[in-house]
Amino acid sequence: MELQDFIAKFAQQFDDTDESEITAETVYSDLDEWSSLTTLSIIAFIKTEYGKSITGKEIRTCSTVLDLFNFVSSL
């Protein structure tokens, strides 16, 4: 799993947020578009792309995209 690939696929889960706004250091809960629906999209993308299951609670324990990447990598 590559960080840049993860960031690009993470960014694709947002309809109104430009992909260039999302970096490894992005605190995703601060994004205007972040919602419970986005959280479900992130859960689905991680399951589909990486075959790993993650919960909303686990997503909330991470702050940045890099934190989430590291968490998913550790599963």
N, C-alpha and C. Protein backbone atom coordinates (compact mmCIF):
# COMPACT_ATOMS: atom_id res chain seq x y z
N MET A 1 0.85 -1.17 0.00
CA MET A 1 0.00 0.00 0.00
C MET A 1 0.90 1.24 0.00
N GLU A 2 0.64 2.13 -0.95
CA GLU A 2 1.42 3.35 -1.10
C GLU A 2 0.64 4.55 -0.55
N LEU A 3 1.33 5.44 0.14
CA LEU A 3 0.67 6.59 0.75
C LEU A 3 0.00 7.48 -0.30
N GLN A 4 0.68 7.80 -1.39
CA GLN A 4 0.10 8.70 -2.39
C GLN A 4 -1.15 8.09 -3.03
N ASP A 5 -1.12 6.79 -3.26
CA ASP A 5 -2.29 6.10 -3.81
C ASP A 5 -3.45 6.15 -2.82
N PHE A 6 -3.14 5.94 -1.54
CA PHE A 6 -4.16 6.00 -0.49
C PHE A 6 -4.78 7.40 -0.43
N ILE A 7 -3.94 8.43 -0.48
CA ILE A 7 -4.43 9.81 -0.41
C ILE A 7 -5.35 10.10 -1.60
N ALA A 8 -4.94 9.68 -2.80
CA ALA A 8 -5.75 9.93 -4.00
C ALA A 8 -7.10 9.24 -3.89
N LYS A 9 -7.12 8.00 -3.44
CA LYS A 9 -8.37 7.27 -3.32
C LYS A 9 -9.23 7.82 -2.18
N PHE A 10 -8.59 8.26 -1.10
CA PHE A 10 -9.30 8.91 0.00
C PHE A 10 -9.98 10.17 -0.52
N ALA A 11 -9.26 10.97 -1.28
CA ALA A 11 -9.78 12.23 -1.81
C ALA A 11 -10.96 12.01 -2.75
N GLN A 12 -10.99 10.89 -3.43
CA GLN A 12 -12.08 10.59 -4.36
C GLN A 12 -13.41 10.37 -3.65
N GLN A 13 -13.38 10.20 -2.35
CA GLN A 13 -14.60 9.97 -1.58
C GLN A 13 -15.37 11.28 -1.34
N PHE A 14 -14.77 12.40 -1.70
CA PHE A 14 -15.38 13.71 -1.49
C PHE A 14 -15.86 14.27 -2.82
N ASP A 15 -17.08 14.76 -2.86
CA ASP A 15 -17.64 15.30 -4.10
C ASP A 15 -17.26 16.76 -4.32
N ASP A 16 -17.25 17.55 -3.27
CA ASP A 16 -17.07 18.99 -3.41
C ASP A 16 -15.72 19.51 -2.95
N THR A 17 -14.87 18.65 -2.44
CA THR A 17 -13.55 19.06 -1.97
C THR A 17 -12.54 18.72 -3.05
N ASP A 18 -11.77 19.71 -3.48
CA ASP A 18 -10.76 19.49 -4.51
C ASP A 18 -9.69 18.54 -3.99
N GLU A 19 -9.30 17.59 -4.82
CA GLU A 19 -8.30 16.59 -4.41
C GLU A 19 -7.00 17.23 -3.96
N SER A 20 -6.65 18.38 -4.53
CA SER A 20 -5.39 19.05 -4.17
C SER A 20 -5.40 19.57 -2.73
N GLU A 21 -6.58 19.68 -2.13
CA GLU A 21 -6.69 20.14 -0.75
C GLU A 21 -6.37 19.04 0.26
N ILE A 22 -6.33 17.81 -0.21
CA ILE A 22 -6.14 16.68 0.70
C ILE A 22 -4.71 16.17 0.58
N THR A 23 -3.98 16.25 1.69
CA THR A 23 -2.60 15.79 1.77
C THR A 23 -2.48 14.84 2.95
N ALA A 24 -1.30 14.32 3.17
CA ALA A 24 -1.08 13.43 4.31
C ALA A 24 -1.36 14.14 5.63
N GLU A 25 -1.12 15.44 5.68
CA GLU A 25 -1.29 16.20 6.92
C GLU A 25 -2.70 16.74 7.12
N THR A 26 -3.59 16.52 6.17
CA THR A 26 -4.95 17.03 6.27
C THR A 26 -5.68 16.40 7.46
N VAL A 27 -6.24 17.25 8.30
CA VAL A 27 -7.12 16.79 9.39
C VAL A 27 -8.50 16.68 8.76
N TYR A 28 -8.86 15.45 8.40
CA TYR A 28 -10.05 15.27 7.58
C TYR A 28 -11.34 15.66 8.27
N SER A 29 -11.40 15.60 9.57
CA SER A 29 -12.64 16.00 10.27
C SER A 29 -12.85 17.51 10.19
N ASP A 30 -11.82 18.26 9.81
CA ASP A 30 -11.95 19.71 9.65
C ASP A 30 -12.48 20.10 8.27
N LEU A 31 -12.56 19.15 7.36
CA LEU A 31 -13.06 19.46 6.01
C LEU A 31 -14.55 19.75 6.08
N ASP A 32 -14.99 20.78 5.35
CA ASP A 32 -16.40 21.17 5.36
C ASP A 32 -17.32 20.02 4.96
N GLU A 33 -16.84 19.17 4.07
CA GLU A 33 -17.66 18.09 3.53
C GLU A 33 -17.68 16.84 4.42
N TRP A 34 -16.88 16.81 5.48
CA TRP A 34 -16.81 15.62 6.33
C TRP A 34 -18.14 15.39 7.02
N SER A 35 -18.64 14.16 6.96
CA SER A 35 -19.92 13.82 7.58
C SER A 35 -19.95 12.33 7.87
N SER A 36 -21.04 11.88 8.46
CA SER A 36 -21.18 10.45 8.72
C SER A 36 -21.27 9.67 7.40
N LEU A 37 -21.85 10.27 6.38
CA LEU A 37 -21.92 9.62 5.07
C LEU A 37 -20.52 9.46 4.46
N THR A 38 -19.69 10.48 4.62
CA THR A 38 -18.31 10.40 4.14
C THR A 38 -17.56 9.30 4.90
N THR A 39 -17.80 9.20 6.18
CA THR A 39 -17.18 8.15 6.99
C THR A 39 -17.54 6.77 6.44
N LEU A 40 -18.79 6.58 6.09
CA LEU A 40 -19.22 5.30 5.50
C LEU A 40 -18.53 5.06 4.16
N SER A 41 -18.36 6.11 3.38
CA SER A 41 -17.65 5.98 2.10
C SER A 41 -16.21 5.56 2.31
N ILE A 42 -15.56 6.13 3.34
CA ILE A 42 -14.17 5.78 3.65
C ILE A 42 -14.09 4.32 4.09
N ILE A 43 -15.02 3.89 4.93
CA ILE A 43 -15.06 2.49 5.37
C ILE A 43 -15.19 1.57 4.16
N ALA A 44 -16.09 1.90 3.25
CA ALA A 44 -16.31 1.07 2.06
C ALA A 44 -15.08 1.06 1.15
N PHE A 45 -14.46 2.21 0.96
CA PHE A 45 -13.28 2.27 0.09
C PHE A 45 -12.13 1.44 0.66
N ILE A 46 -11.92 1.50 1.95
CA ILE A 46 -10.85 0.72 2.58
C ILE A 46 -11.14 -0.77 2.45
N LYS A 47 -12.38 -1.17 2.63
CA LYS A 47 -12.76 -2.58 2.49
C LYS A 47 -12.57 -3.05 1.04
N THR A 48 -13.03 -2.23 0.09
CA THR A 48 -12.96 -2.60 -1.33
C THR A 48 -11.53 -2.60 -1.86
N GLU A 49 -10.79 -1.55 -1.57
CA GLU A 49 -9.45 -1.40 -2.13
C GLU A 49 -8.39 -2.24 -1.43
N TYR A 50 -8.53 -2.39 -0.11
CA TYR A 50 -7.47 -3.03 0.66
C TYR A 50 -7.92 -4.31 1.37
N GLY A 51 -9.22 -4.62 1.31
CA GLY A 51 -9.72 -5.83 1.95
C GLY A 51 -9.62 -5.81 3.46
N LYS A 52 -9.63 -4.60 4.03
CA LYS A 52 -9.50 -4.46 5.48
C LYS A 52 -10.75 -3.79 6.04
N SER A 53 -11.20 -4.26 7.19
CA SER A 53 -12.38 -3.70 7.83
C SER A 53 -11.96 -2.69 8.89
N ILE A 54 -12.66 -1.56 8.89
CA ILE A 54 -12.39 -0.51 9.86
C ILE A 54 -13.74 0.05 10.29
N THR A 55 -13.83 0.50 11.52
CA THR A 55 -15.09 1.05 12.03
C THR A 55 -15.03 2.57 12.08
N GLY A 56 -16.19 3.17 12.23
CA GLY A 56 -16.26 4.62 12.39
C GLY A 56 -15.51 5.07 13.63
N LYS A 57 -15.59 4.28 14.68
CA LYS A 57 -14.87 4.61 15.92
C LYS A 57 -13.36 4.62 15.68
N GLU A 58 -12.87 3.67 14.91
CA GLU A 58 -11.44 3.63 14.60
C GLU A 58 -11.03 4.81 13.74
N ILE A 59 -11.90 5.21 12.81
CA ILE A 59 -11.61 6.39 12.00
C ILE A 59 -11.51 7.63 12.88
N ARG A 60 -12.39 7.72 13.87
CA ARG A 60 -12.37 8.89 14.77
C ARG A 60 -11.14 8.93 15.66
N THR A 61 -10.46 7.79 15.86
CA THR A 61 -9.24 7.80 16.66
C THR A 61 -8.06 8.38 15.89
N CYS A 62 -8.20 8.49 14.59
CA CYS A 62 -7.16 9.08 13.75
C CYS A 62 -7.51 10.54 13.49
N SER A 63 -6.49 11.36 13.27
CA SER A 63 -6.74 12.77 12.98
C SER A 63 -6.46 13.13 11.54
N THR A 64 -5.31 12.70 11.04
CA THR A 64 -4.91 13.07 9.69
C THR A 64 -5.03 11.89 8.74
N VAL A 65 -4.93 12.20 7.47
CA VAL A 65 -4.96 11.14 6.47
C VAL A 65 -3.78 10.19 6.70
N LEU A 66 -2.63 10.73 7.08
CA LEU A 66 -1.46 9.90 7.37
C LEU A 66 -1.73 8.98 8.55
N ASP A 67 -2.37 9.49 9.60
CA ASP A 67 -2.73 8.65 10.75
C ASP A 67 -3.60 7.48 10.31
N LEU A 68 -4.59 7.78 9.46
CA LEU A 68 -5.50 6.74 8.98
C LEU A 68 -4.75 5.73 8.11
N PHE A 69 -3.87 6.22 7.25
CA PHE A 69 -3.06 5.34 6.41
C PHE A 69 -2.23 4.40 7.27
N ASN A 70 -1.58 4.96 8.29
CA ASN A 70 -0.76 4.12 9.18
C ASN A 70 -1.59 3.10 9.92
N PHE A 71 -2.79 3.49 10.36
CA PHE A 71 -3.67 2.58 11.05
C PHE A 71 -4.09 1.43 10.13
N VAL A 72 -4.53 1.77 8.93
CA VAL A 72 -4.97 0.74 7.97
C VAL A 72 -3.80 -0.16 7.60
N SER A 73 -2.63 0.42 7.46
CA SER A 73 -1.43 -0.39 7.13
C SER A 73 -1.10 -1.39 8.22
N SER A 74 -1.44 -1.04 9.45
CA SER A 74 -1.10 -1.91 10.59
C SER A 74 -2.09 -3.07 10.76
N LEU A 75 -3.20 -3.04 10.05
CA LEU A 75 -4.21 -4.09 10.19
C LEU A 75 -3.77 -5.37 9.49
